[in-house]
Amino acid sequence: MQVPELLLAGVATTLILLEVLTFDPGEPVLARVLAGAMAGLSLALIRRRPLTGYLINGSAVLALIALGHPSDFYQWTNLMAMIGVATRLPTDLP
């Protein structure tokens, strides 16, 4: 992993955790914190293993939704992960 991926993952994780802990107090806090951390930290894989990062991120986002966490930010991490996968596709698609 390189510094840009680590920075992206760190910023995303920090924002998600601040959002989870600040804007939606209640139970189950630990599950939301773990799912939020997984959603943000998965972006560290965006360059070396984009599909793995996307799948981990998608699972974490679905977990946050299932836990009833309304958000303004975690869905954007899924878009970043999807873009990471899309940049690895062949360019000769119709």
PDB file of N, CA and C in Angstrom:
ATOM      1  N   MET A   1       0.833  -1.176   0.000  1.00  0.00           N
ATOM      2  CA  MET A   1       0.000   0.000   0.000  1.00  0.00           C
ATOM      3  C   MET A   1       0.877   1.238   0.000  1.00  0.00           C
ATOM      4  N   GLN A   2       0.406   2.233  -0.685  1.00  0.00           N
ATOM      5  CA  GLN A   2       1.163   3.462  -0.786  1.00  0.00           C
ATOM      6  C   GLN A   2       0.472   4.568   0.008  1.00  0.00           C
ATOM      7  N   VAL A   3       1.195   5.650   0.175  1.00  0.00           N
ATOM      8  CA  VAL A   3       0.708   6.760   1.000  1.00  0.00           C
ATOM      9  C   VAL A   3      -0.644   7.305   0.529  1.00  0.00           C
ATOM     10  N   PRO A   4      -0.885   7.511  -0.794  1.00  0.00           N
ATOM     11  CA  PRO A   4      -2.195   8.056  -1.191  1.00  0.00           C
ATOM     12  C   PRO A   4      -3.362   7.165  -0.773  1.00  0.00           C
ATOM     13  N   GLU A   5      -3.209   5.848  -0.918  1.00  0.00           N
ATOM     14  CA  GLU A   5      -4.287   4.950  -0.510  1.00  0.00           C
ATOM     15  C   GLU A   5      -4.498   4.993   0.992  1.00  0.00           C
ATOM     16  N   LEU A   6      -3.413   5.045   1.740  1.00  0.00           N
ATOM     17  CA  LEU A   6      -3.520   5.106   3.198  1.00  0.00           C
ATOM     18  C   LEU A   6      -4.182   6.399   3.650  1.00  0.00           C
ATOM     19  N   LEU A   7      -3.844   7.502   2.978  1.00  0.00           N
ATOM     20  CA  LEU A   7      -4.482   8.781   3.308  1.00  0.00           C
ATOM     21  C   LEU A   7      -5.971   8.768   2.973  1.00  0.00           C
ATOM     22  N   LEU A   8      -6.300   8.241   1.798  1.00  0.00           N
ATOM     23  CA  LEU A   8      -7.703   8.151   1.397  1.00  0.00           C
ATOM     24  C   LEU A   8      -8.483   7.296   2.388  1.00  0.00           C
ATOM     25  N   ALA A   9      -7.933   6.147   2.740  1.00  0.00           N
ATOM     26  CA  ALA A   9      -8.602   5.263   3.695  1.00  0.00           C
ATOM     27  C   ALA A   9      -8.704   5.913   5.071  1.00  0.00           C
ATOM     28  N   GLY A  10      -7.668   6.603   5.492  1.00  0.00           N
ATOM     29  CA  GLY A  10      -7.675   7.250   6.802  1.00  0.00           C
ATOM     30  C   GLY A  10      -8.702   8.363   6.897  1.00  0.00           C
ATOM     31  N   VAL A  11      -8.769   9.192   5.864  1.00  0.00           N
ATOM     32  CA  VAL A  11      -9.740  10.285   5.855  1.00  0.00           C
ATOM     33  C   VAL A  11     -11.162   9.729   5.807  1.00  0.00           C
ATOM     34  N   ALA A  12     -11.388   8.762   4.926  1.00  0.00           N
ATOM     35  CA  ALA A  12     -12.730   8.177   4.814  1.00  0.00           C
ATOM     36  C   ALA A  12     -13.152   7.515   6.121  1.00  0.00           C
ATOM     37  N   THR A  13     -12.258   6.766   6.729  1.00  0.00           N
ATOM     38  CA  THR A  13     -12.575   6.093   7.989  1.00  0.00           C
ATOM     39  C   THR A  13     -12.870   7.098   9.084  1.00  0.00           C
ATOM     40  N   THR A  14     -12.070   8.147   9.170  1.00  0.00           N
ATOM     41  CA  THR A  14     -12.288   9.178  10.180  1.00  0.00           C
ATOM     42  C   THR A  14     -13.651   9.838  10.010  1.00  0.00           C
ATOM     43  N   LEU A  15     -13.995  10.195   8.773  1.00  0.00           N
ATOM     44  CA  LEU A  15     -15.289  10.840   8.528  1.00  0.00           C
ATOM     45  C   LEU A  15     -16.457   9.915   8.839  1.00  0.00           C
ATOM     46  N   ILE A  16     -16.338   8.649   8.443  1.00  0.00           N
ATOM     47  CA  ILE A  16     -17.425   7.704   8.723  1.00  0.00           C
ATOM     48  C   ILE A  16     -17.589   7.509  10.223  1.00  0.00           C
ATOM     49  N   LEU A  17     -16.480   7.328  10.935  1.00  0.00           N
ATOM     50  CA  LEU A  17     -16.582   7.097  12.378  1.00  0.00           C
ATOM     51  C   LEU A  17     -17.106   8.321  13.115  1.00  0.00           C
ATOM     52  N   LEU A  18     -16.694   9.505  12.684  1.00  0.00           N
ATOM     53  CA  LEU A  18     -17.255  10.724  13.289  1.00  0.00           C
ATOM     54  C   LEU A  18     -18.754  10.798  13.054  1.00  0.00           C
ATOM     55  N   GLU A  19     -19.161  10.447  11.846  1.00  0.00           N
ATOM     56  CA  GLU A  19     -20.584  10.462  11.525  1.00  0.00           C
ATOM     57  C   GLU A  19     -21.346   9.425  12.355  1.00  0.00           C
ATOM     58  N   VAL A  20     -20.806   8.215  12.440  1.00  0.00           N
ATOM     59  CA  VAL A  20     -21.460   7.142  13.204  1.00  0.00           C
ATOM     60  C   VAL A  20     -21.597   7.527  14.676  1.00  0.00           C
ATOM     61  N   LEU A  21     -20.543   8.090  15.243  1.00  0.00           N
ATOM     62  CA  LEU A  21     -20.545   8.385  16.675  1.00  0.00           C
ATOM     63  C   LEU A  21     -21.256   9.692  17.026  1.00  0.00           C
ATOM     64  N   THR A  22     -21.312  10.634  16.082  1.00  0.00           N
ATOM     65  CA  THR A  22     -21.878  11.943  16.377  1.00  0.00           C
ATOM     66  C   THR A  22     -23.347  12.059  15.994  1.00  0.00           C
ATOM     67  N   PHE A  23     -23.686  11.665  14.786  1.00  0.00           N
ATOM     68  CA  PHE A  23     -25.024  11.947  14.269  1.00  0.00           C
ATOM     69  C   PHE A  23     -26.036  10.848  14.525  1.00  0.00           C
ATOM     70  N   ASP A  24     -25.615   9.701  14.980  1.00  0.00           N
ATOM     71  CA  ASP A  24     -26.561   8.613  15.174  1.00  0.00           C
ATOM     72  C   ASP A  24     -26.258   7.851  16.454  1.00  0.00           C
ATOM     73  N   PRO A  25     -26.391   8.513  17.593  1.00  0.00           N
ATOM     74  CA  PRO A  25     -26.135   7.794  18.834  1.00  0.00           C
ATOM     75  C   PRO A  25     -27.211   6.740  19.065  1.00  0.00           C
ATOM     76  N   GLY A  26     -26.832   5.671  19.666  1.00  0.00           N
ATOM     77  CA  GLY A  26     -27.769   4.589  19.931  1.00  0.00           C
ATOM     78  C   GLY A  26     -27.093   3.245  19.747  1.00  0.00           C
ATOM     79  N   GLU A  27     -27.869   2.220  19.862  1.00  0.00           N
ATOM     80  CA  GLU A  27     -27.343   0.860  19.754  1.00  0.00           C
ATOM     81  C   GLU A  27     -27.521   0.351  18.331  1.00  0.00           C
ATOM     82  N   PRO A  28     -26.757  -0.548  17.862  1.00  0.00           N
ATOM     83  CA  PRO A  28     -25.528  -1.144  18.389  1.00  0.00           C
ATOM     84  C   PRO A  28     -24.305  -0.360  17.923  1.00  0.00           C
ATOM     85  N   VAL A  29     -23.676   0.335  18.814  1.00  0.00           N
ATOM     86  CA  VAL A  29     -22.555   1.206  18.481  1.00  0.00           C
ATOM     87  C   VAL A  29     -21.364   0.415  17.945  1.00  0.00           C
ATOM     88  N   LEU A  30     -20.983  -0.657  18.629  1.00  0.00           N
ATOM     89  CA  LEU A  30     -19.799  -1.415  18.218  1.00  0.00           C
ATOM     90  C   LEU A  30     -19.953  -1.968  16.804  1.00  0.00           C
ATOM     91  N   ALA A  31     -21.108  -2.486  16.477  1.00  0.00           N
ATOM     92  CA  ALA A  31     -21.333  -3.028  15.133  1.00  0.00           C
ATOM     93  C   ALA A  31     -21.237  -1.933  14.082  1.00  0.00           C
ATOM     94  N   ARG A  32     -21.806  -0.758  14.372  1.00  0.00           N
ATOM     95  CA  ARG A  32     -21.723   0.356  13.414  1.00  0.00           C
ATOM     96  C   ARG A  32     -20.299   0.860  13.271  1.00  0.00           C
ATOM     97  N   VAL A  33     -19.553   0.911  14.370  1.00  0.00           N
ATOM     98  CA  VAL A  33     -18.156   1.359  14.312  1.00  0.00           C
ATOM     99  C   VAL A  33     -17.324   0.376  13.492  1.00  0.00           C
ATOM    100  N   LEU A  34     -17.510  -0.916  13.716  1.00  0.00           N
ATOM    101  CA  LEU A  34     -16.749  -1.908  12.954  1.00  0.00           C
ATOM    102  C   LEU A  34     -17.094  -1.864  11.464  1.00  0.00           C
ATOM    103  N   ALA A  35     -18.384  -1.773  11.140  1.00  0.00           N
ATOM    104  CA  ALA A  35     -18.792  -1.698   9.737  1.00  0.00           C
ATOM    105  C   ALA A  35     -18.292  -0.408   9.093  1.00  0.00           C
ATOM    106  N   GLY A  36     -18.357   0.700   9.831  1.00  0.00           N
ATOM    107  CA  GLY A  36     -17.860   1.972   9.301  1.00  0.00           C
ATOM    108  C   GLY A  36     -16.366   1.954   9.071  1.00  0.00           C
ATOM    109  N   ALA A  37     -15.624   1.369  10.009  1.00  0.00           N
ATOM    110  CA  ALA A  37     -14.173   1.270   9.851  1.00  0.00           C
ATOM    111  C   ALA A  37     -13.830   0.384   8.662  1.00  0.00           C
ATOM    112  N   MET A  38     -14.564  -0.701   8.486  1.00  0.00           N
ATOM    113  CA  MET A  38     -14.309  -1.591   7.355  1.00  0.00           C
ATOM    114  C   MET A  38     -14.603  -0.883   6.030  1.00  0.00           C
ATOM    115  N   ALA A  39     -15.665  -0.084   5.985  1.00  0.00           N
ATOM    116  CA  ALA A  39     -16.000   0.651   4.762  1.00  0.00           C
ATOM    117  C   ALA A  39     -14.896   1.628   4.384  1.00  0.00           C
ATOM    118  N   GLY A  40     -14.364   2.338   5.356  1.00  0.00           N
ATOM    119  CA  GLY A  40     -13.309   3.313   5.078  1.00  0.00           C
ATOM    120  C   GLY A  40     -11.968   2.668   4.793  1.00  0.00           C
ATOM    121  N   LEU A  41     -11.587   1.709   5.615  1.00  0.00           N
ATOM    122  CA  LEU A  41     -10.266   1.087   5.465  1.00  0.00           C
ATOM    123  C   LEU A  41     -10.146   0.254   4.198  1.00  0.00           C
ATOM    124  N   SER A  42     -11.265  -0.215   3.667  1.00  0.00           N
ATOM    125  CA  SER A  42     -11.209  -1.005   2.431  1.00  0.00           C
ATOM    126  C   SER A  42     -10.668  -0.185   1.262  1.00  0.00           C
ATOM    127  N   LEU A  43     -10.738   1.138   1.376  1.00  0.00           N
ATOM    128  CA  LEU A  43     -10.224   1.983   0.288  1.00  0.00           C
ATOM    129  C   LEU A  43      -8.704   1.934   0.183  1.00  0.00           C
ATOM    130  N   ALA A  44      -8.038   1.412   1.194  1.00  0.00           N
ATOM    131  CA  ALA A  44      -6.589   1.256   1.111  1.00  0.00           C
ATOM    132  C   ALA A  44      -6.219   0.220   0.050  1.00  0.00           C
ATOM    133  N   LEU A  45      -7.163  -0.621  -0.339  1.00  0.00           N
ATOM    134  CA  LEU A  45      -6.914  -1.652  -1.349  1.00  0.00           C
ATOM    135  C   LEU A  45      -7.244  -1.189  -2.759  1.00  0.00           C
ATOM    136  N   ILE A  46      -7.625   0.063  -2.911  1.00  0.00           N
ATOM    137  CA  ILE A  46      -8.187   0.542  -4.170  1.00  0.00           C
ATOM    138  C   ILE A  46      -7.235   0.412  -5.364  1.00  0.00           C
ATOM    139  N   ARG A  47      -5.933   0.479  -5.147  1.00  0.00           N
ATOM    140  CA  ARG A  47      -4.996   0.404  -6.257  1.00  0.00           C
ATOM    141  C   ARG A  47      -4.480  -1.014  -6.489  1.00  0.00           C
ATOM    142  N   ARG A  48      -4.128  -1.714  -5.437  1.00  0.00           N
ATOM    143  CA  ARG A  48      -3.535  -3.052  -5.600  1.00  0.00           C
ATOM    144  C   ARG A  48      -4.562  -4.155  -5.801  1.00  0.00           C
ATOM    145  N   ARG A  49      -5.662  -4.094  -5.101  1.00  0.00           N
ATOM    146  CA  ARG A  49      -6.694  -5.130  -5.181  1.00  0.00           C
ATOM    147  C   ARG A  49      -8.075  -4.462  -5.200  1.00  0.00           C
ATOM    148  N   PRO A  50      -8.395  -3.780  -6.316  1.00  0.00           N
ATOM    149  CA  PRO A  50      -9.618  -2.981  -6.352  1.00  0.00           C
ATOM    150  C   PRO A  50     -10.908  -3.797  -6.180  1.00  0.00           C
ATOM    151  N   LEU A  51     -10.974  -4.981  -6.772  1.00  0.00           N
ATOM    152  CA  LEU A  51     -12.198  -5.773  -6.630  1.00  0.00           C
ATOM    153  C   LEU A  51     -12.377  -6.231  -5.178  1.00  0.00           C
ATOM    154  N   THR A  52     -11.303  -6.641  -4.539  1.00  0.00           N
ATOM    155  CA  THR A  52     -11.379  -7.034  -3.134  1.00  0.00           C
ATOM    156  C   THR A  52     -11.826  -5.856  -2.281  1.00  0.00           C
ATOM    157  N   GLY A  53     -11.239  -4.687  -2.522  1.00  0.00           N
ATOM    158  CA  GLY A  53     -11.636  -3.488  -1.790  1.00  0.00           C
ATOM    159  C   GLY A  53     -13.097  -3.145  -2.006  1.00  0.00           C
ATOM    160  N   TYR A  54     -13.556  -3.280  -3.241  1.00  0.00           N
ATOM    161  CA  TYR A  54     -14.950  -2.984  -3.556  1.00  0.00           C
ATOM    162  C   TYR A  54     -15.890  -3.952  -2.847  1.00  0.00           C
ATOM    163  N   LEU A  55     -15.551  -5.239  -2.855  1.00  0.00           N
ATOM    164  CA  LEU A  55     -16.406  -6.237  -2.215  1.00  0.00           C
ATOM    165  C   LEU A  55     -16.460  -6.043  -0.696  1.00  0.00           C
ATOM    166  N   ILE A  56     -15.317  -5.742  -0.094  1.00  0.00           N
ATOM    167  CA  ILE A  56     -15.296  -5.471   1.345  1.00  0.00           C
ATOM    168  C   ILE A  56     -16.103  -4.218   1.654  1.00  0.00           C
ATOM    169  N   ASN A  57     -15.888  -3.184   0.852  1.00  0.00           N
ATOM    170  CA  ASN A  57     -16.610  -1.935   1.052  1.00  0.00           C
ATOM    171  C   ASN A  57     -18.111  -2.137   0.891  1.00  0.00           C
ATOM    172  N   GLY A  58     -18.504  -2.856  -0.154  1.00  0.00           N
ATOM    173  CA  GLY A  58     -19.922  -3.104  -0.382  1.00  0.00           C
ATOM    174  C   GLY A  58     -20.567  -3.860   0.769  1.00  0.00           C
ATOM    175  N   SER A  59     -19.852  -4.843   1.297  1.00  0.00           N
ATOM    176  CA  SER A  59     -20.363  -5.604   2.439  1.00  0.00           C
ATOM    177  C   SER A  59     -20.536  -4.705   3.656  1.00  0.00           C
ATOM    178  N   ALA A  60     -19.570  -3.831   3.879  1.00  0.00           N
ATOM    179  CA  ALA A  60     -19.645  -2.919   5.024  1.00  0.00           C
ATOM    180  C   ALA A  60     -20.789  -1.922   4.860  1.00  0.00           C
ATOM    181  N   VAL A  61     -20.973  -1.407   3.664  1.00  0.00           N
ATOM    182  CA  VAL A  61     -22.070  -0.469   3.414  1.00  0.00           C
ATOM    183  C   VAL A  61     -23.414  -1.157   3.639  1.00  0.00           C
ATOM    184  N   LEU A  62     -23.555  -2.392   3.144  1.00  0.00           N
ATOM    185  CA  LEU A  62     -24.795  -3.136   3.377  1.00  0.00           C
ATOM    186  C   LEU A  62     -25.019  -3.390   4.866  1.00  0.00           C
ATOM    187  N   ALA A  63     -23.950  -3.651   5.597  1.00  0.00           N
ATOM    188  CA  ALA A  63     -24.065  -3.850   7.044  1.00  0.00           C
ATOM    189  C   ALA A  63     -24.546  -2.567   7.727  1.00  0.00           C
ATOM    190  N   LEU A  64     -23.995  -1.425   7.324  1.00  0.00           N
ATOM    191  CA  LEU A  64     -24.426  -0.154   7.910  1.00  0.00           C
ATOM    192  C   LEU A  64     -25.904   0.110   7.609  1.00  0.00           C
ATOM    193  N   ILE A  65     -26.320  -0.197   6.389  1.00  0.00           N
ATOM    194  CA  ILE A  65     -27.722  -0.004   6.031  1.00  0.00           C
ATOM    195  C   ILE A  65     -28.604  -0.941   6.859  1.00  0.00           C
ATOM    196  N   ALA A  66     -28.186  -2.205   6.987  1.00  0.00           N
ATOM    197  CA  ALA A  66     -28.961  -3.183   7.764  1.00  0.00           C
ATOM    198  C   ALA A  66     -29.066  -2.789   9.237  1.00  0.00           C
ATOM    199  N   LEU A  67     -28.030  -2.112   9.734  1.00  0.00           N
ATOM    200  CA  LEU A  67     -28.047  -1.662  11.128  1.00  0.00           C
ATOM    201  C   LEU A  67     -28.880  -0.398  11.314  1.00  0.00           C
ATOM    202  N   GLY A  68     -29.421   0.123  10.208  1.00  0.00           N
ATOM    203  CA  GLY A  68     -30.297   1.287  10.288  1.00  0.00           C
ATOM    204  C   GLY A  68     -29.563   2.601  10.433  1.00  0.00           C
ATOM    205  N   HIS A  69     -28.307   2.654   9.968  1.00  0.00           N
ATOM    206  CA  HIS A  69     -27.539   3.887  10.104  1.00  0.00           C
ATOM    207  C   HIS A  69     -27.765   4.788   8.900  1.00  0.00           C
ATOM    208  N   PRO A  70     -28.450   5.919   9.082  1.00  0.00           N
ATOM    209  CA  PRO A  70     -28.600   6.870   7.985  1.00  0.00           C
ATOM    210  C   PRO A  70     -27.296   7.638   7.814  1.00  0.00           C
ATOM    211  N   SER A  71     -26.901   7.839   6.582  1.00  0.00           N
ATOM    212  CA  SER A  71     -25.598   8.471   6.381  1.00  0.00           C
ATOM    213  C   SER A  71     -25.614   9.424   5.203  1.00  0.00           C
ATOM    214  N   ASP A  72     -24.670  10.341   5.250  1.00  0.00           N
ATOM    215  CA  ASP A  72     -24.417  11.221   4.118  1.00  0.00           C
ATOM    216  C   ASP A  72     -23.092  10.887   3.460  1.00  0.00           C
ATOM    217  N   PHE A  73     -22.287  10.011   4.060  1.00  0.00           N
ATOM    218  CA  PHE A  73     -20.933   9.836   3.546  1.00  0.00           C
ATOM    219  C   PHE A  73     -20.576   8.424   3.097  1.00  0.00           C
ATOM    220  N   TYR A  74     -20.986   7.366   3.808  1.00  0.00           N
ATOM    221  CA  TYR A  74     -20.435   6.056   3.495  1.00  0.00           C
ATOM    222  C   TYR A  74     -20.741   5.590   2.076  1.00  0.00           C
ATOM    223  N   GLN A  75     -21.852   6.029   1.488  1.00  0.00           N
ATOM    224  CA  GLN A  75     -22.137   5.620   0.113  1.00  0.00           C
ATOM    225  C   GLN A  75     -21.112   6.182  -0.876  1.00  0.00           C
ATOM    226  N   TRP A  76     -20.478   7.295  -0.539  1.00  0.00           N
ATOM    227  CA  TRP A  76     -19.448   7.848  -1.422  1.00  0.00           C
ATOM    228  C   TRP A  76     -18.194   6.979  -1.410  1.00  0.00           C
ATOM    229  N   THR A  77     -17.936   6.296  -0.293  1.00  0.00           N
ATOM    230  CA  THR A  77     -16.792   5.378  -0.286  1.00  0.00           C
ATOM    231  C   THR A  77     -17.046   4.236  -1.260  1.00  0.00           C
ATOM    232  N   ASN A  78     -18.308   3.815  -1.386  1.00  0.00           N
ATOM    233  CA  ASN A  78     -18.624   2.742  -2.329  1.00  0.00           C
ATOM    234  C   ASN A  78     -18.420   3.221  -3.760  1.00  0.00           C
ATOM    235  N   LEU A  79     -18.743   4.470  -4.044  1.00  0.00           N
ATOM    236  CA  LEU A  79     -18.498   5.024  -5.370  1.00  0.00           C
ATOM    237  C   LEU A  79     -16.998   5.057  -5.670  1.00  0.00           C
ATOM    238  N   MET A  80     -16.184   5.471  -4.693  1.00  0.00           N
ATOM    239  CA  MET A  80     -14.728   5.482  -4.905  1.00  0.00           C
ATOM    240  C   MET A  80     -14.206   4.076  -5.170  1.00  0.00           C
ATOM    241  N   ALA A  81     -14.712   3.089  -4.443  1.00  0.00           N
ATOM    242  CA  ALA A  81     -14.281   1.707  -4.658  1.00  0.00           C
ATOM    243  C   ALA A  81     -14.710   1.220  -6.044  1.00  0.00           C
ATOM    244  N   MET A  82     -15.918   1.597  -6.469  1.00  0.00           N
ATOM    245  CA  MET A  82     -16.399   1.195  -7.787  1.00  0.00           C
ATOM    246  C   MET A  82     -15.559   1.826  -8.890  1.00  0.00           C
ATOM    247  N   ILE A  83     -15.177   3.070  -8.720  1.00  0.00           N
ATOM    248  CA  ILE A  83     -14.326   3.735  -9.699  1.00  0.00           C
ATOM    249  C   ILE A  83     -12.973   3.036  -9.761  1.00  0.00           C
ATOM    250  N   GLY A  84     -12.454   2.601  -8.625  1.00  0.00           N
ATOM    251  CA  GLY A  84     -11.198   1.855  -8.598  1.00  0.00           C
ATOM    252  C   GLY A  84     -11.269   0.581  -9.417  1.00  0.00           C
ATOM    253  N   VAL A  85     -12.404  -0.115  -9.352  1.00  0.00           N
ATOM    254  CA  VAL A  85     -12.587  -1.326 -10.159  1.00  0.00           C
ATOM    255  C   VAL A  85     -12.725  -0.949 -11.629  1.00  0.00           C
ATOM    256  N   ALA A  86     -13.490   0.089 -11.917  1.00  0.00           N
ATOM    257  CA  ALA A  86     -13.732   0.493 -13.301  1.00  0.00           C
ATOM    258  C   ALA A  86     -12.450   0.916 -14.009  1.00  0.00           C
ATOM    259  N   THR A  87     -11.509   1.490 -13.302  1.00  0.00           N
ATOM    260  CA  THR A  87     -10.263   1.903 -13.948  1.00  0.00           C
ATOM    261  C   THR A  87      -9.408   0.718 -14.357  1.00  0.00           C
ATOM    262  N   ARG A  88      -9.707  -0.467 -13.846  1.00  0.00           N
ATOM    263  CA  ARG A  88      -8.954  -1.676 -14.193  1.00  0.00           C
ATOM    264  C   ARG A  88      -9.580  -2.441 -15.352  1.00  0.00           C
ATOM    265  N   LEU A  89     -10.754  -2.036 -15.805  1.00  0.00           N
ATOM    266  CA  LEU A  89     -11.409  -2.727 -16.906  1.00  0.00           C
ATOM    267  C   LEU A  89     -10.701  -2.439 -18.227  1.00  0.00           C
ATOM    268  N   PRO A  90     -10.813  -3.345 -19.177  1.00  0.00           N
ATOM    269  CA  PRO A  90     -10.230  -3.070 -20.501  1.00  0.00           C
ATOM    270  C   PRO A  90     -10.873  -1.814 -21.109  1.00  0.00           C
ATOM    271  N   THR A  91     -10.099  -1.067 -21.835  1.00  0.00           N
ATOM    272  CA  THR A  91     -10.623   0.186 -22.406  1.00  0.00           C
ATOM    273  C   THR A  91     -11.335  -0.014 -23.729  1.00  0.00           C
ATOM    274  N   ASP A  92     -11.345  -1.241 -24.270  1.00  0.00           N
ATOM    275  CA  ASP A  92     -11.968  -1.463 -25.564  1.00  0.00           C
ATOM    276  C   ASP A  92     -13.426  -1.906 -25.448  1.00  0.00           C
ATOM    277  N   LEU A  93     -14.081  -1.535 -24.365  1.00  0.00           N
ATOM    278  CA  LEU A  93     -15.492  -1.867 -24.211  1.00  0.00           C
ATOM    279  C   LEU A  93     -16.325  -0.976 -25.131  1.00  0.00           C
ATOM    280  N   PRO A  94     -17.444  -1.512 -25.655  1.00  0.00           N
ATOM    281  CA  PRO A  94     -18.271  -0.687 -26.546  1.00  0.00           C
ATOM    282  C   PRO A  94     -18.953   0.442 -25.819  1.00  0.00           C
TER     283      PRO A  94
END
